[in-house]
Protein backbone atom coordinates (compact mmCIF):
# COMPACT_ATOMS: atom_id res chain seq x y z
CA MET A 1 44.24 -81.32 51.30
CA ILE A 2 41.03 -79.78 52.64
CA PHE A 3 37.88 -81.84 53.12
CA ILE A 4 34.70 -79.98 52.12
CA ASP A 5 31.53 -80.93 53.97
CA ASN A 6 28.47 -80.89 51.69
CA ASN A 7 26.08 -80.64 54.67
CA GLY A 8 24.55 -84.03 53.88
CA HIS A 9 22.78 -82.84 50.70
CA THR A 10 21.52 -85.68 48.49
CA ASP A 11 20.18 -83.66 45.54
CA PRO A 12 22.47 -84.67 42.62
CA ARG A 13 21.98 -81.31 40.91
CA LEU A 14 23.15 -79.46 44.01
CA ASN A 15 26.10 -81.80 44.60
CA LEU A 16 27.32 -81.48 41.00
CA ALA A 17 26.90 -77.71 41.20
CA LEU A 18 28.91 -77.69 44.45
CA GLU A 19 31.68 -79.69 42.80
CA GLU A 20 31.89 -77.29 39.85
CA TYR A 21 31.65 -74.22 42.08
CA VAL A 22 34.62 -75.38 44.17
CA LEU A 23 36.56 -76.23 40.99
CA ARG A 24 36.08 -72.77 39.50
CA ASN A 25 36.02 -70.50 42.56
CA PHE A 26 38.13 -71.90 45.38
CA SER A 27 41.87 -71.37 45.90
CA PRO A 28 43.88 -72.41 42.82
CA THR A 29 46.80 -73.49 45.01
CA GLN A 30 44.87 -75.79 47.34
CA ASP A 31 43.69 -79.39 46.89
CA TYR A 32 40.20 -80.40 48.02
CA LEU A 33 38.32 -83.61 48.74
CA MET A 34 34.55 -84.11 48.73
CA PHE A 35 32.18 -86.99 49.47
CA TYR A 36 28.50 -87.01 48.61
CA ILE A 37 25.59 -89.43 48.35
CA ASN A 38 22.82 -88.82 45.82
CA GLU A 39 19.15 -89.68 45.70
CA PRO A 40 18.27 -92.19 42.94
CA SER A 41 19.62 -90.62 39.78
CA ILE A 42 21.34 -91.23 36.46
CA ILE A 43 24.44 -89.12 35.93
CA ILE A 44 25.14 -88.64 32.23
CA GLY A 45 28.61 -88.11 30.78
CA ARG A 46 29.31 -84.71 29.21
CA ASN A 47 29.42 -86.01 25.63
CA GLN A 48 26.53 -88.48 25.74
CA ASN A 49 23.11 -88.52 24.14
CA THR A 50 20.85 -88.62 27.20
CA LEU A 51 17.95 -90.35 25.44
CA GLU A 52 20.27 -93.11 24.27
CA GLU A 53 21.39 -93.91 27.81
CA ILE A 54 18.22 -94.05 29.91
CA ASN A 55 15.00 -96.02 30.12
CA HIS A 56 12.98 -92.83 29.92
CA GLN A 57 9.59 -94.25 30.92
CA TYR A 58 11.04 -96.10 33.90
CA VAL A 59 12.95 -93.01 35.00
CA GLU A 60 9.78 -90.90 34.86
CA ASP A 61 7.64 -93.48 36.63
CA HIS A 62 10.13 -93.84 39.49
CA ASN A 63 11.08 -90.16 39.87
CA ILE A 64 14.76 -90.79 39.11
CA HIS A 65 16.83 -87.64 38.54
CA VAL A 66 18.68 -87.33 35.23
CA VAL A 67 21.63 -84.93 35.39
CA ARG A 68 24.56 -84.30 33.07
CA ARG A 69 28.02 -83.86 34.65
CA ILE A 70 30.91 -81.80 33.33
CA SER A 71 33.26 -84.78 32.88
CA GLY A 72 33.24 -87.35 30.10
CA GLY A 73 32.73 -91.09 30.32
CA GLY A 74 29.58 -93.17 30.55
CA ALA A 75 26.25 -92.96 32.33
CA VAL A 76 26.10 -94.24 35.92
CA TYR A 77 23.31 -94.91 38.38
CA HIS A 78 23.42 -93.39 41.88
CA ASP A 79 21.31 -94.12 44.93
CA PHE A 80 21.66 -93.97 48.70
CA GLY A 81 23.96 -97.02 48.61
CA ASN A 82 26.49 -95.31 46.35
CA LEU A 83 29.28 -93.14 47.79
CA ASN A 84 30.81 -90.55 45.46
CA PHE A 85 34.27 -89.07 45.93
CA SER A 86 35.83 -86.05 44.26
CA PHE A 87 39.43 -84.77 44.24
CA ILE A 88 39.72 -81.15 43.09
CA THR A 89 43.36 -80.27 42.41
CA LYS A 90 45.67 -78.24 40.21
CA HIS A 91 46.27 -79.41 36.66
CA ASP A 92 49.99 -79.52 35.91
CA GLY A 93 49.70 -81.05 32.45
CA THR A 94 50.42 -84.61 33.60
CA ARG A 95 47.51 -85.45 35.88
CA LEU A 96 44.69 -85.54 33.34
CA SER A 97 43.87 -89.14 32.36
CA ASN A 98 46.23 -90.33 35.11
CA PHE A 99 43.50 -92.28 36.89
CA GLU A 100 46.04 -94.41 38.73
CA LYS A 101 47.22 -91.42 40.77
CA PHE A 102 43.76 -90.61 42.11
CA THR A 103 42.46 -94.15 42.51
CA ALA A 104 45.58 -95.41 44.33
CA PRO A 105 44.63 -94.01 47.78
CA VAL A 106 41.07 -95.34 47.41
CA ILE A 107 42.38 -98.77 46.42
CA ARG A 108 44.76 -98.73 49.41
CA VAL A 109 41.87 -98.16 51.82
CA LEU A 110 39.78 -100.89 50.16
CA ARG A 111 42.66 -103.34 50.46
CA ASN A 112 43.05 -102.45 54.14
CA LEU A 113 39.39 -103.46 54.50
CA GLY A 114 40.20 -106.86 53.02
CA LEU A 115 39.18 -106.35 49.39
CA ASP A 116 41.41 -107.48 46.54
CA ALA A 117 40.84 -104.20 44.72
CA ALA A 118 42.77 -103.08 41.66
CA LEU A 119 42.57 -100.57 38.83
CA LYS A 120 41.51 -102.36 35.66
CA GLY A 121 41.31 -100.93 32.18
CA ARG A 122 41.64 -97.17 32.08
CA ASN A 123 39.45 -95.98 34.93
CA ASP A 124 37.58 -98.78 36.75
CA ILE A 125 38.27 -100.28 40.16
CA GLN A 126 37.43 -103.98 40.24
CA VAL A 127 37.22 -106.78 42.78
CA VAL A 128 37.25 -110.37 41.44
CA GLU A 129 36.64 -109.11 37.89
CA LYS A 130 33.59 -107.12 38.95
CA LYS A 131 33.39 -103.35 38.79
CA ILE A 132 32.85 -101.56 42.10
CA SER A 133 33.94 -98.08 41.00
CA GLY A 134 34.20 -95.95 37.88
CA THR A 135 36.03 -92.64 37.60
CA ALA A 136 36.09 -89.63 35.28
CA GLN A 137 37.97 -86.33 34.97
CA PHE A 138 37.50 -82.77 33.78
CA SER A 139 39.96 -79.90 33.49
CA THR A 140 39.52 -76.14 33.19
CA GLY A 141 43.14 -75.81 32.05
CA LYS A 142 44.58 -74.85 35.44
CA ARG A 143 42.32 -76.87 37.73
CA MET A 144 40.84 -80.34 37.45
CA VAL A 145 38.32 -82.62 39.10
CA SER A 146 38.82 -86.38 39.38
CA HIS A 147 35.67 -87.99 40.69
CA GLY A 148 34.22 -91.45 40.96
CA THR A 149 31.55 -93.74 42.30
CA LEU A 150 31.89 -96.42 44.95
CA LEU A 151 29.14 -99.03 44.76
CA TYR A 152 28.75 -99.82 48.44
CA ASP A 153 25.19 -101.12 48.83
CA THR A 154 23.49 -100.00 45.62
CA ASP A 155 20.30 -101.62 44.31
CA LEU A 156 21.91 -103.32 41.33
CA GLY A 157 18.52 -104.25 39.92
CA GLU A 158 17.76 -100.57 39.52
CA VAL A 159 21.03 -100.08 37.66
CA VAL A 160 19.70 -102.42 34.98
CA ASN A 161 16.15 -101.02 35.01
CA ALA A 162 17.11 -97.35 34.77
CA LEU A 163 19.80 -97.84 32.13
CA ASN A 164 17.93 -100.46 30.09
CA VAL A 165 17.33 -98.41 26.95
CA LYS A 166 14.45 -99.49 24.72
CA MET A 167 14.42 -96.60 22.24
CA SER A 168 15.09 -98.46 19.00
CA LYS A 169 17.08 -97.48 15.94
CA ILE A 170 18.87 -94.40 17.25
CA GLN A 171 22.03 -93.50 15.36
CA SER A 172 24.02 -90.97 17.33
CA LYS A 173 27.48 -89.45 17.59
CA GLY A 174 27.30 -89.55 21.37
CA HIS A 175 29.73 -91.59 23.46
CA LYS A 176 27.80 -94.71 24.43
CA SER A 177 28.20 -96.38 27.80
CA VAL A 178 29.73 -99.81 28.07
CA ARG A 179 27.87 -101.93 30.60
CA SER A 180 30.08 -103.96 32.92
CA ARG A 181 29.46 -106.64 35.50
CA VAL A 182 29.10 -104.77 38.76
CA ALA A 183 29.10 -105.67 42.44
CA ASN A 184 28.74 -103.98 45.81
CA ILE A 185 31.68 -103.40 48.14
CA SER A 186 29.58 -104.51 51.12
CA ASP A 187 29.38 -108.02 49.61
CA TYR A 188 33.12 -108.45 50.15
CA LEU A 189 33.51 -107.02 53.65
CA GLU A 190 34.12 -109.35 56.57
CA ARG A 191 32.01 -107.19 58.89
CA SER A 192 28.82 -105.27 58.39
CA LEU A 193 29.20 -101.50 58.05
CA SER A 194 26.72 -98.76 57.31
CA ILE A 195 27.58 -96.50 54.38
CA GLU A 196 28.22 -93.73 56.92
CA ASP A 197 30.76 -95.93 58.75
CA PHE A 198 32.34 -96.85 55.42
CA ARG A 199 32.57 -93.17 54.50
CA LYS A 200 34.30 -92.41 57.82
CA LEU A 201 36.83 -95.23 57.36
CA LEU A 202 37.52 -94.11 53.81
CA LEU A 203 38.08 -90.52 54.88
CA GLU A 204 40.42 -91.55 57.69
CA GLY A 205 42.28 -93.90 55.37
CA LEU A 206 42.80 -91.27 52.70
CA TYR A 207 44.62 -89.09 55.22
CA GLU A 208 46.58 -91.94 56.80
CA GLY A 209 50.20 -90.93 57.36
CA ASN A 210 49.54 -87.30 56.52
CA GLU A 211 48.99 -84.24 58.64
CA PRO A 212 45.51 -84.01 60.20
CA PHE A 213 43.17 -82.80 57.51
CA GLU A 214 41.32 -79.54 57.60
CA GLU A 215 37.54 -79.55 57.25
CA TYR A 216 35.79 -76.64 55.55
CA ARG A 217 32.13 -75.61 55.57
CA LEU A 218 30.88 -73.21 52.95
CA THR A 219 29.65 -69.78 53.98
CA ALA A 220 26.07 -68.70 53.33
CA GLU A 221 27.32 -66.56 50.44
CA GLU A 222 29.17 -69.51 48.88
CA TRP A 223 26.10 -71.73 49.19
CA GLN A 224 24.12 -69.02 47.43
CA GLY A 225 26.61 -69.17 44.56
CA VAL A 226 26.25 -72.94 44.40
CA ARG A 227 22.45 -72.70 44.27
CA GLU A 228 22.59 -70.09 41.53
CA LEU A 229 24.83 -72.39 39.44
CA LYS A 230 22.42 -75.26 40.07
CA GLN A 231 19.45 -73.16 38.94
CA GLU A 232 21.17 -71.72 35.88
CA LYS A 233 22.72 -74.98 34.69
CA TYR A 234 22.00 -78.28 36.40
CA ASP A 235 18.25 -77.70 36.78
CA THR A 236 17.77 -76.97 33.08
CA TRP A 237 16.54 -79.18 30.28
CA ASP A 238 19.06 -77.52 27.94
CA TRP A 239 22.00 -78.84 29.99
CA ASN A 240 20.67 -82.28 30.89
CA TYR A 241 19.03 -83.13 27.55
CA GLY A 242 19.60 -80.33 25.05
CA ARG A 243 23.36 -80.73 24.95
CA SER A 244 22.98 -84.22 23.49
CA PRO A 245 24.86 -84.67 20.20
CA ARG A 246 22.73 -84.70 17.06
CA PHE A 247 21.15 -88.02 16.24
CA ASN A 248 18.81 -89.72 13.80
CA ILE A 249 15.87 -91.86 14.80
CA GLN A 250 13.92 -94.34 12.68
CA ARG A 251 10.67 -95.57 14.20
CA THR A 252 8.60 -98.08 12.20
CA LYS A 253 5.44 -99.99 13.12
CA ARG A 254 2.73 -101.83 11.24
CA PHE A 255 -0.83 -100.90 12.17
CA PRO A 256 -4.10 -102.32 10.76
CA LEU A 257 -4.14 -99.33 8.36
CA GLY A 258 -0.62 -100.07 7.10
CA GLU A 259 3.00 -99.40 8.00
CA VAL A 260 4.06 -96.03 9.39
CA ASP A 261 7.77 -95.22 9.08
CA LEU A 262 9.15 -92.11 10.83
CA ARG A 263 12.56 -90.52 10.24
CA ILE A 264 13.42 -87.90 12.85
CA PHE A 265 16.56 -85.79 13.02
CA VAL A 266 17.31 -84.27 16.41
CA GLU A 267 20.00 -81.70 17.21
CA LYS A 268 20.66 -80.26 20.66
CA GLY A 269 17.54 -81.99 21.85
CA ARG A 270 15.19 -80.34 19.30
CA ILE A 271 13.58 -81.78 16.18
CA LYS A 272 15.25 -80.32 13.09
CA ASP A 273 13.68 -82.61 10.49
CA PHE A 274 10.63 -84.88 10.61
CA LYS A 275 9.50 -87.16 7.79
CA ILE A 276 6.65 -89.67 7.57
CA TYR A 277 6.62 -92.60 5.14
CA GLY A 278 4.41 -95.67 4.78
CA ASP A 279 1.89 -97.66 2.78
CA PHE A 280 -1.23 -96.29 4.50
CA PHE A 281 -3.93 -94.27 2.73
CA GLY A 282 -4.35 -90.67 3.85
CA LYS A 283 -6.18 -87.72 2.35
CA GLU A 284 -4.26 -84.70 3.61
CA PRO A 285 -0.62 -83.90 2.64
CA LEU A 286 1.81 -85.18 5.26
CA GLU A 287 3.97 -82.08 4.90
CA ASP A 288 1.34 -80.11 6.83
CA LEU A 289 1.67 -82.48 9.77
CA GLU A 290 5.45 -82.86 9.58
CA LYS A 291 6.18 -79.13 9.84
CA LEU A 292 4.31 -78.90 13.17
CA PHE A 293 7.14 -80.79 14.90
CA LEU A 294 10.04 -78.68 13.65
CA GLY A 295 11.88 -76.86 16.42
CA ILE A 296 10.14 -78.51 19.36
CA ARG A 297 11.97 -80.38 22.10
CA TYR A 298 12.16 -84.12 21.52
CA ILE A 299 10.24 -85.02 24.66
CA LYS A 300 6.85 -86.67 24.99
CA GLU A 301 5.29 -83.62 26.66
CA ASP A 302 6.04 -81.30 23.74
CA ILE A 303 5.05 -83.88 21.14
CA SER A 304 1.70 -84.44 22.85
CA SER A 305 1.17 -80.69 23.11
CA VAL A 306 1.69 -80.22 19.34
CA LEU A 307 -0.95 -82.84 18.59
CA GLN A 308 -3.43 -81.79 21.25
CA GLU A 309 -5.73 -79.91 18.85
CA ILE A 310 -4.81 -81.86 15.70
CA TYR A 311 -7.15 -84.43 14.14
CA ILE A 312 -4.78 -86.97 12.58
CA THR A 313 -7.28 -89.30 10.89
CA PRO A 314 -7.17 -87.36 7.58
CA TYR A 315 -3.42 -88.01 7.38
CA PHE A 316 -3.40 -91.74 8.13
CA GLY A 317 -6.88 -93.17 8.40
CA SER A 318 -8.02 -94.74 11.65
CA LEU A 319 -4.86 -94.33 13.75
CA PRO A 320 -5.34 -93.56 17.49
CA LYS A 321 -3.46 -90.41 18.42
CA ASN A 322 -1.80 -92.04 21.45
CA ASP A 323 -0.42 -94.80 19.20
CA PHE A 324 1.11 -92.17 16.92
CA ILE A 325 2.65 -90.34 19.91
CA ASP A 326 4.09 -93.61 21.22
CA LEU A 327 5.59 -94.29 17.81
CA ILE A 328 7.27 -90.87 17.75
CA TYR A 329 8.53 -91.10 21.31
CA GLY A 330 7.97 -94.47 22.86
CA GLU A 331 9.77 -97.61 23.83
CA ASP A 332 9.65 -101.11 22.40
CA GLU A 333 11.36 -104.41 23.03
CA GLU A 334 14.02 -103.95 20.35
CA GLY A 335 17.49 -102.56 20.81
CA VAL A 336 17.71 -103.29 24.52
CA LYS A 337 21.07 -102.23 25.97
CA ILE A 338 22.36 -103.41 29.34
């Protein structure tokens, strides 16, 4: 197995692009191992509805990256206290969904460090009934990636804040995350280690009893290929948000002028249908307002842009425009998921 050095990059978009580039372009007969640490970010599973998994306002306010990965599973939070590992190997028809095979060497190292670690459920590593690692897989048919997180010294409060979804009444076909009780590996160690020291021990432990491992550094040309993949895919709204499964949203609120009830249908991140109901008194036909939203991205920026030059009082009465925008794309205290 060859260890690939990621040059200490912490941009999650670049690290995920590097992982996919190695999967699709490196030798099909060789196995590879990668480690990487990401800046604060939420990594979304391939089949998830991004908006249903994140606290969007909190993510924006705190400059947290939101990036979709190529593998399935649930959304996870990364920061500088989280170490990510990735095995890139051949796919022989039996390895996919065999999480035990790829977590076993990691569990062995953790046990050598004094942790009572074990694989629980399908793909989680736990210590004392608390999750310290989650894993996921993806296959191209001939090659596969098995990657996972290791919560070493993560800010667990941020895990709750960033993934505490407040968008109410979303009905989606996306695969929703299941929140588990989590803990940091550092809490169980008998001696204090930096995440860099932990990474070194893990790397040495993974190769214990084997031939000395080979370390590989990408060429300038290969890094250029990685950056092009990042730009074309992982930097784009279409990949990170637009690939979300179709979903329906109902947003209802009572204002002094009456109740406003919105029904919004979103597909691939864009509004396909938009209907307004309620017991308010307006003069202009709502159809004229509704059609303005068709085809736009379901993000606050685009919604605000549509309404920038629109005077909405004739449609509703005295309704502040910002209140209407917040109703279309805002957050409330209902439907909180942790």
